[in-house]
């Protein structure tokens, strides 16, 4: 079932969903099941599975020269999605990136998803590889998420890259895209960011999932700006509880989001790792309850493979 259909069928009741990471190469899928099982009691209608593009590492040879090596640390998105739908009968939503894919790679990836009965995808540009300052697409790849959305929409209309195909079948993907309540780090302003978000909707996206945020007012303001610009699709808030003191610096740096002063001071004053984790749970629970009271249809949690704190929040909210 499509995400938009799940929302419609809920008739206003709030839905619980979450995102997981593929395990590191060398681990097995049981770690994924272990992170999903504790959360099934909250009846998630869908689970997102991230996609991690290749990275480049340089190995020094005995001659002193550097050898470039391509490394993919978290493979398995397609297999995990198939396993989730088979084991749990819950819709699995793979992330699909511009980075690391040619348009032909993208088309083949989508054909695999269609054959597996997967009806939802999240279309993202993706980050630059660590050795690059700015994002560079693959040769004959999509440069922007809006272009990726167009390619997926074309397949939904039976338009493939090979225009000589006869009687080609239409896919049926519901396309999600990312939104940034505090703007994408490369955007010159929030208004310009929303302008390009609107283009993704125009090209065929059906819903938005936001980057994590810790101040609900920023989400409400973002939604208001989107609605003013004519964006009417569901906007799903992305939430993550703080779990360690280190995240006070890591999250703003990695995700370009601000943390409220009240939350920062509470975490700074905490004397044990357990108390930091509890502060994060309580803050995210407060956010969740306020969002549900405002009529938000779905809350989406970034679990990062850790179910315990998400379960504590969900017990209080759903």
C-alpha atoms as a PDB file:
ATOM      1  CA  UNK A   1       0.000   0.000   0.000  1.00  0.00           C
ATOM      2  CA  UNK A   2       1.180   3.524  -0.718  1.00  0.00           C
ATOM      3  CA  UNK A   3       2.139   5.902   2.092  1.00  0.00           C
ATOM      4  CA  UNK A   4      -0.604   8.274   1.023  1.00  0.00           C
ATOM      5  CA  UNK A   5      -3.130   5.434   1.202  1.00  0.00           C
ATOM      6  CA  UNK A   6      -1.965   4.510   4.707  1.00  0.00           C
ATOM      7  CA  UNK A   7      -2.593   8.104   5.779  1.00  0.00           C
ATOM      8  CA  UNK A   8      -6.022   8.222   4.164  1.00  0.00           C
ATOM      9  CA  UNK A   9      -7.067   4.892   5.679  1.00  0.00           C
ATOM     10  CA  UNK A  10      -6.021   6.007   9.182  1.00  0.00           C
ATOM     11  CA  UNK A  11      -8.895   8.536   9.202  1.00  0.00           C
ATOM     12  CA  UNK A  12      -6.959  11.011  11.304  1.00  0.00           C
ATOM     13  CA  UNK A  13      -5.426   8.531  13.754  1.00  0.00           C
ATOM     14  CA  UNK A  14      -1.677   9.220  14.105  1.00  0.00           C
ATOM     15  CA  UNK A  15       0.655   6.657  12.548  1.00  0.00           C
ATOM     16  CA  UNK A  16       4.055   5.505  13.805  1.00  0.00           C
ATOM     17  CA  UNK A  17       6.929   4.845  11.394  1.00  0.00           C
ATOM     18  CA  UNK A  18      10.691   4.649  11.592  1.00  0.00           C
ATOM     19  CA  UNK A  19      13.883   4.403   9.566  1.00  0.00           C
ATOM     20  CA  UNK A  20      16.609   1.789   9.825  1.00  0.00           C
ATOM     21  CA  UNK A  21      20.175   1.467   8.538  1.00  0.00           C
ATOM     22  CA  UNK A  22      21.470  -1.600   6.708  1.00  0.00           C
ATOM     23  CA  UNK A  23      23.992  -3.447   8.890  1.00  0.00           C
ATOM     24  CA  UNK A  24      27.689  -2.985   8.296  1.00  0.00           C
ATOM     25  CA  UNK A  25      29.160  -5.374   5.753  1.00  0.00           C
ATOM     26  CA  UNK A  26      29.990  -8.660   7.453  1.00  0.00           C
ATOM     27  CA  UNK A  27      26.950  -8.616   9.756  1.00  0.00           C
ATOM     28  CA  UNK A  28      23.742 -10.507   9.054  1.00  0.00           C
ATOM     29  CA  UNK A  29      20.134  -9.449   8.764  1.00  0.00           C
ATOM     30  CA  UNK A  30      19.261 -10.640  12.269  1.00  0.00           C
ATOM     31  CA  UNK A  31      20.503  -7.296  13.598  1.00  0.00           C
ATOM     32  CA  UNK A  32      17.792  -5.645  11.479  1.00  0.00           C
ATOM     33  CA  UNK A  33      15.089  -7.951  12.813  1.00  0.00           C
ATOM     34  CA  UNK A  34      16.312  -7.311  16.364  1.00  0.00           C
ATOM     35  CA  UNK A  35      15.835  -3.565  15.850  1.00  0.00           C
ATOM     36  CA  UNK A  36      12.371  -3.983  14.297  1.00  0.00           C
ATOM     37  CA  UNK A  37      10.818  -6.604  16.597  1.00  0.00           C
ATOM     38  CA  UNK A  38      10.512  -4.374  19.709  1.00  0.00           C
ATOM     39  CA  UNK A  39       8.640  -1.723  17.685  1.00  0.00           C
ATOM     40  CA  UNK A  40       6.052  -3.922  15.985  1.00  0.00           C
ATOM     41  CA  UNK A  41       3.554  -3.511  18.828  1.00  0.00           C
ATOM     42  CA  UNK A  42       3.017   0.069  17.636  1.00  0.00           C
ATOM     43  CA  UNK A  43       1.884  -1.215  14.227  1.00  0.00           C
ATOM     44  CA  UNK A  44       4.132   0.733  11.854  1.00  0.00           C
ATOM     45  CA  UNK A  45       2.478   0.795   8.419  1.00  0.00           C
ATOM     46  CA  UNK A  46       5.850   1.335   6.753  1.00  0.00           C
ATOM     47  CA  UNK A  47       9.567   1.206   7.538  1.00  0.00           C
ATOM     48  CA  UNK A  48      12.205   3.211   5.652  1.00  0.00           C
ATOM     49  CA  UNK A  49      15.529   1.587   4.735  1.00  0.00           C
ATOM     50  CA  UNK A  50      18.422   3.914   3.957  1.00  0.00           C
ATOM     51  CA  UNK A  51      20.760   3.482   1.018  1.00  0.00           C
ATOM     52  CA  UNK A  52      24.477   4.121   1.504  1.00  0.00           C
ATOM     53  CA  UNK A  53      26.540   4.948  -1.536  1.00  0.00           C
ATOM     54  CA  UNK A  54      30.139   3.913  -2.036  1.00  0.00           C
ATOM     55  CA  UNK A  55      33.008   5.696  -0.321  1.00  0.00           C
ATOM     56  CA  UNK A  56      36.571   6.134  -1.497  1.00  0.00           C
ATOM     57  CA  UNK A  57      39.563   5.122   0.566  1.00  0.00           C
ATOM     58  CA  UNK A  58      43.235   5.459  -0.321  1.00  0.00           C
ATOM     59  CA  UNK A  59      45.613   2.615   0.558  1.00  0.00           C
ATOM     60  CA  UNK A  60      49.337   3.280   0.587  1.00  0.00           C
ATOM     61  CA  UNK A  61      51.286   0.769  -1.494  1.00  0.00           C
ATOM     62  CA  UNK A  62      54.843  -0.427  -0.650  1.00  0.00           C
ATOM     63  CA  UNK A  63      56.068   1.922  -3.384  1.00  0.00           C
ATOM     64  CA  UNK A  64      54.618   4.875  -1.530  1.00  0.00           C
ATOM     65  CA  UNK A  65      51.939   5.474  -4.148  1.00  0.00           C
ATOM     66  CA  UNK A  66      48.284   5.681  -3.124  1.00  0.00           C
ATOM     67  CA  UNK A  67      45.752   3.233  -4.511  1.00  0.00           C
ATOM     68  CA  UNK A  68      42.131   4.367  -4.695  1.00  0.00           C
ATOM     69  CA  UNK A  69      39.729   1.774  -3.330  1.00  0.00           C
ATOM     70  CA  UNK A  70      35.928   1.850  -3.549  1.00  0.00           C
ATOM     71  CA  UNK A  71      34.218   0.687  -0.354  1.00  0.00           C
ATOM     72  CA  UNK A  72      30.535   0.106   0.294  1.00  0.00           C
ATOM     73  CA  UNK A  73      30.131  -0.229   4.044  1.00  0.00           C
ATOM     74  CA  UNK A  74      26.363  -0.779   4.286  1.00  0.00           C
ATOM     75  CA  UNK A  75      25.090  -2.776   1.298  1.00  0.00           C
ATOM     76  CA  UNK A  76      21.812  -4.653   1.272  1.00  0.00           C
ATOM     77  CA  UNK A  77      18.973  -2.120   0.981  1.00  0.00           C
ATOM     78  CA  UNK A  78      17.099  -4.130  -1.667  1.00  0.00           C
ATOM     79  CA  UNK A  79      17.422  -7.428   0.189  1.00  0.00           C
ATOM     80  CA  UNK A  80      16.400  -5.862   3.497  1.00  0.00           C
ATOM     81  CA  UNK A  81      13.268  -4.351   1.952  1.00  0.00           C
ATOM     82  CA  UNK A  82      12.289  -7.713   0.465  1.00  0.00           C
ATOM     83  CA  UNK A  83      12.932  -9.460   3.795  1.00  0.00           C
ATOM     84  CA  UNK A  84      10.865  -6.936   5.769  1.00  0.00           C
ATOM     85  CA  UNK A  85       7.877  -7.256   3.478  1.00  0.00           C
ATOM     86  CA  UNK A  86       8.127 -11.051   3.486  1.00  0.00           C
ATOM     87  CA  UNK A  87       8.645 -11.466   7.238  1.00  0.00           C
ATOM     88  CA  UNK A  88       6.417  -8.729   8.648  1.00  0.00           C
ATOM     89  CA  UNK A  89       3.959  -7.859   5.862  1.00  0.00           C
ATOM     90  CA  UNK A  90       4.866  -4.226   6.467  1.00  0.00           C
ATOM     91  CA  UNK A  91       5.609  -1.886   3.574  1.00  0.00           C
ATOM     92  CA  UNK A  92       9.357  -1.331   3.221  1.00  0.00           C
ATOM     93  CA  UNK A  93      10.488   1.918   1.619  1.00  0.00           C
ATOM     94  CA  UNK A  94      13.957   2.005   0.101  1.00  0.00           C
ATOM     95  CA  UNK A  95      15.867   5.243  -0.263  1.00  0.00           C
ATOM     96  CA  UNK A  96      17.207   5.768  -3.766  1.00  0.00           C
ATOM     97  CA  UNK A  97      19.967   8.278  -4.473  1.00  0.00           C
ATOM     98  CA  UNK A  98      21.285  10.303  -7.371  1.00  0.00           C
ATOM     99  CA  UNK A  99      24.837   9.776  -6.103  1.00  0.00           C
ATOM    100  CA  UNK A 100      26.454   6.560  -7.284  1.00  0.00           C
ATOM    101  CA  UNK A 101      23.767   5.826  -9.884  1.00  0.00           C
ATOM    102  CA  UNK A 102      23.616   6.413 -13.604  1.00  0.00           C
ATOM    103  CA  UNK A 103      20.100   6.822 -14.981  1.00  0.00           C
ATOM    104  CA  UNK A 104      20.286   3.257 -16.265  1.00  0.00           C
ATOM    105  CA  UNK A 105      21.328   2.014 -12.808  1.00  0.00           C
ATOM    106  CA  UNK A 106      18.369   3.909 -11.376  1.00  0.00           C
ATOM    107  CA  UNK A 107      15.962   2.388 -13.852  1.00  0.00           C
ATOM    108  CA  UNK A 108      17.205  -1.142 -13.127  1.00  0.00           C
ATOM    109  CA  UNK A 109      16.987  -0.513  -9.362  1.00  0.00           C
ATOM    110  CA  UNK A 110      13.384   0.627  -9.765  1.00  0.00           C
ATOM    111  CA  UNK A 111      12.524  -2.379 -11.920  1.00  0.00           C
ATOM    112  CA  UNK A 112      13.811  -4.647  -9.131  1.00  0.00           C
ATOM    113  CA  UNK A 113      11.681  -2.764  -6.612  1.00  0.00           C
ATOM    114  CA  UNK A 114       8.626  -3.080  -8.832  1.00  0.00           C
ATOM    115  CA  UNK A 115       9.152  -6.833  -9.269  1.00  0.00           C
ATOM    116  CA  UNK A 116       9.378  -7.195  -5.474  1.00  0.00           C
ATOM    117  CA  UNK A 117       6.007  -5.491  -5.019  1.00  0.00           C
ATOM    118  CA  UNK A 118       7.493  -2.407  -3.377  1.00  0.00           C
ATOM    119  CA  UNK A 119       5.190   0.561  -4.007  1.00  0.00           C
ATOM    120  CA  UNK A 120       7.029   3.356  -2.217  1.00  0.00           C
ATOM    121  CA  UNK A 121      10.458   4.939  -2.628  1.00  0.00           C
ATOM    122  CA  UNK A 122      12.155   7.988  -1.127  1.00  0.00           C
ATOM    123  CA  UNK A 123      14.050   9.955  -3.782  1.00  0.00           C
ATOM    124  CA  UNK A 124      17.128  11.793  -2.517  1.00  0.00           C
ATOM    125  CA  UNK A 125      20.091  13.488  -4.100  1.00  0.00           C
ATOM    126  CA  UNK A 126      22.435  12.145  -1.436  1.00  0.00           C
ATOM    127  CA  UNK A 127      25.604  13.618  -0.009  1.00  0.00           C
ATOM    128  CA  UNK A 128      28.912  14.198  -1.708  1.00  0.00           C
ATOM    129  CA  UNK A 129      31.508  11.520  -1.094  1.00  0.00           C
ATOM    130  CA  UNK A 130      33.954  12.437   1.656  1.00  0.00           C
ATOM    131  CA  UNK A 131      36.730  13.250  -0.793  1.00  0.00           C
ATOM    132  CA  UNK A 132      34.576  15.894  -2.537  1.00  0.00           C
ATOM    133  CA  UNK A 133      33.489  19.284  -1.275  1.00  0.00           C
ATOM    134  CA  UNK A 134      30.406  19.438  -3.465  1.00  0.00           C
ATOM    135  CA  UNK A 135      28.136  16.746  -4.832  1.00  0.00           C
ATOM    136  CA  UNK A 136      29.037  15.412  -8.265  1.00  0.00           C
ATOM    137  CA  UNK A 137      26.615  13.148 -10.134  1.00  0.00           C
ATOM    138  CA  UNK A 138      27.660  10.033 -11.942  1.00  0.00           C
ATOM    139  CA  UNK A 139      28.221  10.247 -15.675  1.00  0.00           C
ATOM    140  CA  UNK A 140      24.715  10.197 -17.177  1.00  0.00           C
ATOM    141  CA  UNK A 141      23.257  10.331 -13.674  1.00  0.00           C
ATOM    142  CA  UNK A 142      20.657  12.575 -12.114  1.00  0.00           C
ATOM    143  CA  UNK A 143      22.152  15.722 -10.614  1.00  0.00           C
ATOM    144  CA  UNK A 144      19.180  16.785  -8.502  1.00  0.00           C
ATOM    145  CA  UNK A 145      16.460  14.975  -6.575  1.00  0.00           C
ATOM    146  CA  UNK A 146      13.897  16.740  -8.778  1.00  0.00           C
ATOM    147  CA  UNK A 147      15.421  14.991 -11.810  1.00  0.00           C
ATOM    148  CA  UNK A 148      15.310  11.653  -9.992  1.00  0.00           C
ATOM    149  CA  UNK A 149      11.625  12.235  -9.175  1.00  0.00           C
ATOM    150  CA  UNK A 150      10.984  12.919 -12.865  1.00  0.00           C
ATOM    151  CA  UNK A 151      12.642   9.648 -13.869  1.00  0.00           C
ATOM    152  CA  UNK A 152      10.526   7.678 -11.379  1.00  0.00           C
ATOM    153  CA  UNK A 153       7.379   9.482 -12.538  1.00  0.00           C
ATOM    154  CA  UNK A 154       8.263   8.629 -16.126  1.00  0.00           C
ATOM    155  CA  UNK A 155       8.398   4.932 -15.237  1.00  0.00           C
ATOM    156  CA  UNK A 156       4.996   5.306 -13.570  1.00  0.00           C
ATOM    157  CA  UNK A 157       3.796   6.464 -16.988  1.00  0.00           C
ATOM    158  CA  UNK A 158       5.542   3.641 -18.838  1.00  0.00           C
ATOM    159  CA  UNK A 159       8.337   5.871 -20.148  1.00  0.00           C
ATOM    160  CA  UNK A 160      11.686   4.051 -20.037  1.00  0.00           C
ATOM    161  CA  UNK A 161      15.125   5.229 -21.105  1.00  0.00           C
ATOM    162  CA  UNK A 162      14.900   3.013 -24.187  1.00  0.00           C
ATOM    163  CA  UNK A 163      12.245   4.800 -26.212  1.00  0.00           C
ATOM    164  CA  UNK A 164      12.031   1.874 -28.617  1.00  0.00           C
ATOM    165  CA  UNK A 165      10.459  -0.431 -26.040  1.00  0.00           C
ATOM    166  CA  UNK A 166       7.054  -1.668 -27.138  1.00  0.00           C
ATOM    167  CA  UNK A 167       4.047  -2.101 -24.786  1.00  0.00           C
ATOM    168  CA  UNK A 168       6.118  -1.142 -21.733  1.00  0.00           C
ATOM    169  CA  UNK A 169       4.425  -1.566 -18.363  1.00  0.00           C
ATOM    170  CA  UNK A 170       3.837   1.296 -15.942  1.00  0.00           C
ATOM    171  CA  UNK A 171       5.229   1.103 -12.442  1.00  0.00           C
ATOM    172  CA  UNK A 172       3.169   2.353  -9.508  1.00  0.00           C
ATOM    173  CA  UNK A 173       5.534   4.091  -7.109  1.00  0.00           C
ATOM    174  CA  UNK A 174       4.477   6.560  -4.441  1.00  0.00           C
ATOM    175  CA  UNK A 175       7.417   8.963  -4.255  1.00  0.00           C
ATOM    176  CA  UNK A 176       8.610  10.573  -1.033  1.00  0.00           C
ATOM    177  CA  UNK A 177      11.139  13.403  -0.905  1.00  0.00           C
ATOM    178  CA  UNK A 178      13.101  15.185   1.816  1.00  0.00           C
ATOM    179  CA  UNK A 179      12.196  18.549   3.329  1.00  0.00           C
ATOM    180  CA  UNK A 180      14.371  20.694   5.578  1.00  0.00           C
ATOM    181  CA  UNK A 181      12.639  22.838   8.232  1.00  0.00           C
ATOM    182  CA  UNK A 182      15.970  24.625   8.811  1.00  0.00           C
ATOM    183  CA  UNK A 183      16.864  24.522   5.069  1.00  0.00           C
ATOM    184  CA  UNK A 184      19.326  22.308   3.262  1.00  0.00           C
ATOM    185  CA  UNK A 185      22.902  23.259   4.092  1.00  0.00           C
ATOM    186  CA  UNK A 186      23.603  24.172   0.453  1.00  0.00           C
ATOM    187  CA  UNK A 187      20.475  26.302   0.001  1.00  0.00           C
ATOM    188  CA  UNK A 188      20.982  30.098   0.171  1.00  0.00           C
ATOM    189  CA  UNK A 189      17.699  30.549   2.083  1.00  0.00           C
ATOM    190  CA  UNK A 190      14.711  28.623   3.363  1.00  0.00           C
ATOM    191  CA  UNK A 191      12.449  30.272   0.783  1.00  0.00           C
ATOM    192  CA  UNK A 192      14.689  29.152  -2.077  1.00  0.00           C
ATOM    193  CA  UNK A 193      14.840  25.656  -0.590  1.00  0.00           C
ATOM    194  CA  UNK A 194      11.040  25.484  -0.536  1.00  0.00           C
ATOM    195  CA  UNK A 195      10.955  26.702  -4.136  1.00  0.00           C
ATOM    196  CA  UNK A 196      12.959  23.642  -5.200  1.00  0.00           C
ATOM    197  CA  UNK A 197      10.919  21.391  -2.898  1.00  0.00           C
ATOM    198  CA  UNK A 198       7.814  22.571  -4.744  1.00  0.00           C
ATOM    199  CA  UNK A 199       9.491  21.539  -8.006  1.00  0.00           C
ATOM    200  CA  UNK A 200       9.943  18.009  -6.665  1.00  0.00           C
ATOM    201  CA  UNK A 201       6.223  17.869  -5.880  1.00  0.00           C
ATOM    202  CA  UNK A 202       5.374  19.238  -9.332  1.00  0.00           C
ATOM    203  CA  UNK A 203       7.556  16.525 -10.892  1.00  0.00           C
ATOM    204  CA  UNK A 204       5.575  13.786  -9.152  1.00  0.00           C
ATOM    205  CA  UNK A 205       6.432  13.436  -5.445  1.00  0.00           C
ATOM    206  CA  UNK A 206       3.453  12.559  -3.229  1.00  0.00           C
ATOM    207  CA  UNK A 207       4.723  13.239   0.279  1.00  0.00           C
ATOM    208  CA  UNK A 208       7.564  14.859   2.223  1.00  0.00           C
ATOM    209  CA  UNK A 209       9.606  13.515   5.144  1.00  0.00           C
ATOM    210  CA  UNK A 210      11.585  16.154   7.001  1.00  0.00           C
ATOM    211  CA  UNK A 211      15.088  16.235   8.311  1.00  0.00           C
ATOM    212  CA  UNK A 212      15.216  15.844  12.093  1.00  0.00           C
ATOM    213  CA  UNK A 213      14.484  18.920  14.189  1.00  0.00           C
ATOM    214  CA  UNK A 214      14.310  19.594  17.918  1.00  0.00           C
ATOM    215  CA  UNK A 215      12.129  22.724  17.980  1.00  0.00           C
ATOM    216  CA  UNK A 216       8.565  22.044  16.853  1.00  0.00           C
ATOM    217  CA  UNK A 217       7.981  25.685  16.017  1.00  0.00           C
ATOM    218  CA  UNK A 218      10.503  25.385  13.200  1.00  0.00           C
ATOM    219  CA  UNK A 219       8.476  22.505  11.781  1.00  0.00           C
ATOM    220  CA  UNK A 220       5.196  24.385  12.097  1.00  0.00           C
ATOM    221  CA  UNK A 221       6.710  27.438  10.397  1.00  0.00           C
ATOM    222  CA  UNK A 222       8.105  25.226   7.624  1.00  0.00           C
ATOM    223  CA  UNK A 223       4.706  23.631   7.020  1.00  0.00           C
ATOM    224  CA  UNK A 224       3.048  27.059   6.940  1.00  0.00           C
ATOM    225  CA  UNK A 225       5.563  28.279   4.335  1.00  0.00           C
ATOM    226  CA  UNK A 226       5.019  25.159   2.245  1.00  0.00           C
ATOM    227  CA  UNK A 227       1.247  25.564   2.326  1.00  0.00           C
ATOM    228  CA  UNK A 228       1.565  29.226   1.397  1.00  0.00           C
ATOM    229  CA  UNK A 229       3.602  28.179  -1.653  1.00  0.00           C
ATOM    230  CA  UNK A 230       0.869  25.759  -2.719  1.00  0.00           C
ATOM    231  CA  UNK A 231       2.437  22.514  -1.482  1.00  0.00           C
ATOM    232  CA  UNK A 232      -0.507  20.399  -0.343  1.00  0.00           C
ATOM    233  CA  UNK A 233       1.002  16.903   0.031  1.00  0.00           C
ATOM    234  CA  UNK A 234       1.431  15.299   3.492  1.00  0.00           C
ATOM    235  CA  UNK A 235       4.480  16.554   5.389  1.00  0.00           C
ATOM    236  CA  UNK A 236       5.787  13.949   7.829  1.00  0.00           C
ATOM    237  CA  UNK A 237       8.055  15.155  10.654  1.00  0.00           C
ATOM    238  CA  UNK A 238      11.321  13.325  11.248  1.00  0.00           C
ATOM    239  CA  UNK A 239      12.295  12.934  14.907  1.00  0.00           C
ATOM    240  CA  UNK A 240      15.345  11.648  16.750  1.00  0.00           C
ATOM    241  CA  UNK A 241      15.976  11.525  20.496  1.00  0.00           C
ATOM    242  CA  UNK A 242      19.338  12.726  21.761  1.00  0.00           C
ATOM    243  CA  UNK A 243      21.174   9.733  23.228  1.00  0.00           C
ATOM    244  CA  UNK A 244      24.694  10.925  24.105  1.00  0.00           C
ATOM    245  CA  UNK A 245      26.477  14.148  25.025  1.00  0.00           C
ATOM    246  CA  UNK A 246      28.625  13.780  21.931  1.00  0.00           C
ATOM    247  CA  UNK A 247      25.543  14.342  19.794  1.00  0.00           C
ATOM    248  CA  UNK A 248      25.313  17.947  21.004  1.00  0.00           C
ATOM    249  CA  UNK A 249      28.172  18.673  18.619  1.00  0.00           C
ATOM    250  CA  UNK A 250      27.739  15.857  16.123  1.00  0.00           C
ATOM    251  CA  UNK A 251      24.104  16.502  15.151  1.00  0.00           C
ATOM    252  CA  UNK A 252      24.447  20.226  14.321  1.00  0.00           C
ATOM    253  CA  UNK A 253      27.630  19.522  12.359  1.00  0.00           C
ATOM    254  CA  UNK A 254      26.354  16.478  10.483  1.00  0.00           C
ATOM    255  CA  UNK A 255      22.757  17.501   9.856  1.00  0.00           C
ATOM    256  CA  UNK A 256      22.895  21.310   9.943  1.00  0.00           C
ATOM    257  CA  UNK A 257      20.198  21.660  12.604  1.00  0.00           C
ATOM    258  CA  UNK A 258      20.024  23.750  15.757  1.00  0.00           C
ATOM    259  CA  UNK A 259      19.413  22.413  19.255  1.00  0.00           C
ATOM    260  CA  UNK A 260      17.278  24.444  21.694  1.00  0.00           C
ATOM    261  CA  UNK A 261      19.215  26.003  24.577  1.00  0.00           C
ATOM    262  CA  UNK A 262      16.968  24.307  27.153  1.00  0.00           C
ATOM    263  CA  UNK A 263      17.763  20.887  25.739  1.00  0.00           C
ATOM    264  CA  UNK A 264      21.476  21.662  25.523  1.00  0.00           C
ATOM    265  CA  UNK A 265      21.674  22.785  29.150  1.00  0.00           C
ATOM    266  CA  UNK A 266      19.779  19.758  30.401  1.00  0.00           C
ATOM    267  CA  UNK A 267      22.160  17.421  28.600  1.00  0.00           C
ATOM    268  CA  UNK A 268      25.244  19.359  29.732  1.00  0.00           C
ATOM    269  CA  UNK A 269      24.134  19.142  33.385  1.00  0.00           C
ATOM    270  CA  UNK A 270      23.459  15.402  33.157  1.00  0.00           C
ATOM    271  CA  UNK A 271      25.980  13.344  35.136  1.00  0.00           C
ATOM    272  CA  UNK A 272      25.492   9.857  33.651  1.00  0.00           C
ATOM    273  CA  UNK A 273      24.960   8.383  30.181  1.00  0.00           C
ATOM    274  CA  UNK A 274      21.636   6.982  31.385  1.00  0.00           C
ATOM    275  CA  UNK A 275      20.385  10.419  32.414  1.00  0.00           C
ATOM    276  CA  UNK A 276      21.370  11.881  29.026  1.00  0.00           C
ATOM    277  CA  UNK A 277      19.407   9.154  27.287  1.00  0.00           C
ATOM    278  CA  UNK A 278      16.386   9.813  29.511  1.00  0.00           C
ATOM    279  CA  UNK A 279      16.503  13.540  28.752  1.00  0.00           C
ATOM    280  CA  UNK A 280      16.464  12.722  25.033  1.00  0.00           C
ATOM    281  CA  UNK A 281      13.497  10.388  25.469  1.00  0.00           C
ATOM    282  CA  UNK A 282      11.514  12.959  27.454  1.00  0.00           C
ATOM    283  CA  UNK A 283      12.261  15.776  24.991  1.00  0.00           C
ATOM    284  CA  UNK A 284      11.272  13.693  21.974  1.00  0.00           C
ATOM    285  CA  UNK A 285       8.140  12.486  23.771  1.00  0.00           C
ATOM    286  CA  UNK A 286       7.159  16.105  24.407  1.00  0.00           C
ATOM    287  CA  UNK A 287       7.738  16.925  20.732  1.00  0.00           C
ATOM    288  CA  UNK A 288       5.699  13.916  19.646  1.00  0.00           C
ATOM    289  CA  UNK A 289       2.695  14.723  21.819  1.00  0.00           C
ATOM    290  CA  UNK A 290       2.645  18.336  20.636  1.00  0.00           C
ATOM    291  CA  UNK A 291       2.816  17.274  16.983  1.00  0.00           C
ATOM    292  CA  UNK A 292      -0.038  14.793  17.409  1.00  0.00           C
ATOM    293  CA  UNK A 293      -2.118  17.433  19.186  1.00  0.00           C
ATOM    294  CA  UNK A 294      -1.572  19.640  16.131  1.00  0.00           C
ATOM    295  CA  UNK A 295      -3.057  16.944  13.901  1.00  0.00           C
ATOM    296  CA  UNK A 296       0.119  15.690  12.229  1.00  0.00           C
ATOM    297  CA  UNK A 297      -0.818  12.381  10.513  1.00  0.00           C
ATOM    298  CA  UNK A 298       2.457  10.440  10.865  1.00  0.00           C
ATOM    299  CA  UNK A 299       5.482  10.666  13.154  1.00  0.00           C
ATOM    300  CA  UNK A 300       8.673   9.243  11.664  1.00  0.00           C
ATOM    301  CA  UNK A 301      11.592   8.312  13.934  1.00  0.00           C
ATOM    302  CA  UNK A 302      15.236   8.003  12.975  1.00  0.00           C
ATOM    303  CA  UNK A 303      16.154   4.908  14.958  1.00  0.00           C
ATOM    304  CA  UNK A 304      19.754   4.495  13.674  1.00  0.00           C
ATOM    305  CA  UNK A 305      19.343   0.797  14.463  1.00  0.00           C
ATOM    306  CA  UNK A 306      18.561   1.426  18.154  1.00  0.00           C
ATOM    307  CA  UNK A 307      15.039   0.455  19.198  1.00  0.00           C
ATOM    308  CA  UNK A 308      15.105   0.961  22.965  1.00  0.00           C
ATOM    309  CA  UNK A 309      14.663   4.725  23.193  1.00  0.00           C
ATOM    310  CA  UNK A 310      12.170   4.814  20.298  1.00  0.00           C
ATOM    311  CA  UNK A 311      10.101   2.167  22.089  1.00  0.00           C
ATOM    312  CA  UNK A 312      10.059   4.227  25.300  1.00  0.00           C
ATOM    313  CA  UNK A 313       8.775   7.236  23.366  1.00  0.00           C
ATOM    314  CA  UNK A 314       6.176   5.260  21.435  1.00  0.00           C
ATOM    315  CA  UNK A 315       4.799   3.723  24.654  1.00  0.00           C
ATOM    316  CA  UNK A 316       3.978   7.230  25.876  1.00  0.00           C
ATOM    317  CA  UNK A 317       2.634   8.560  22.591  1.00  0.00           C
ATOM    318  CA  UNK A 318       0.822   5.818  20.628  1.00  0.00           C
END
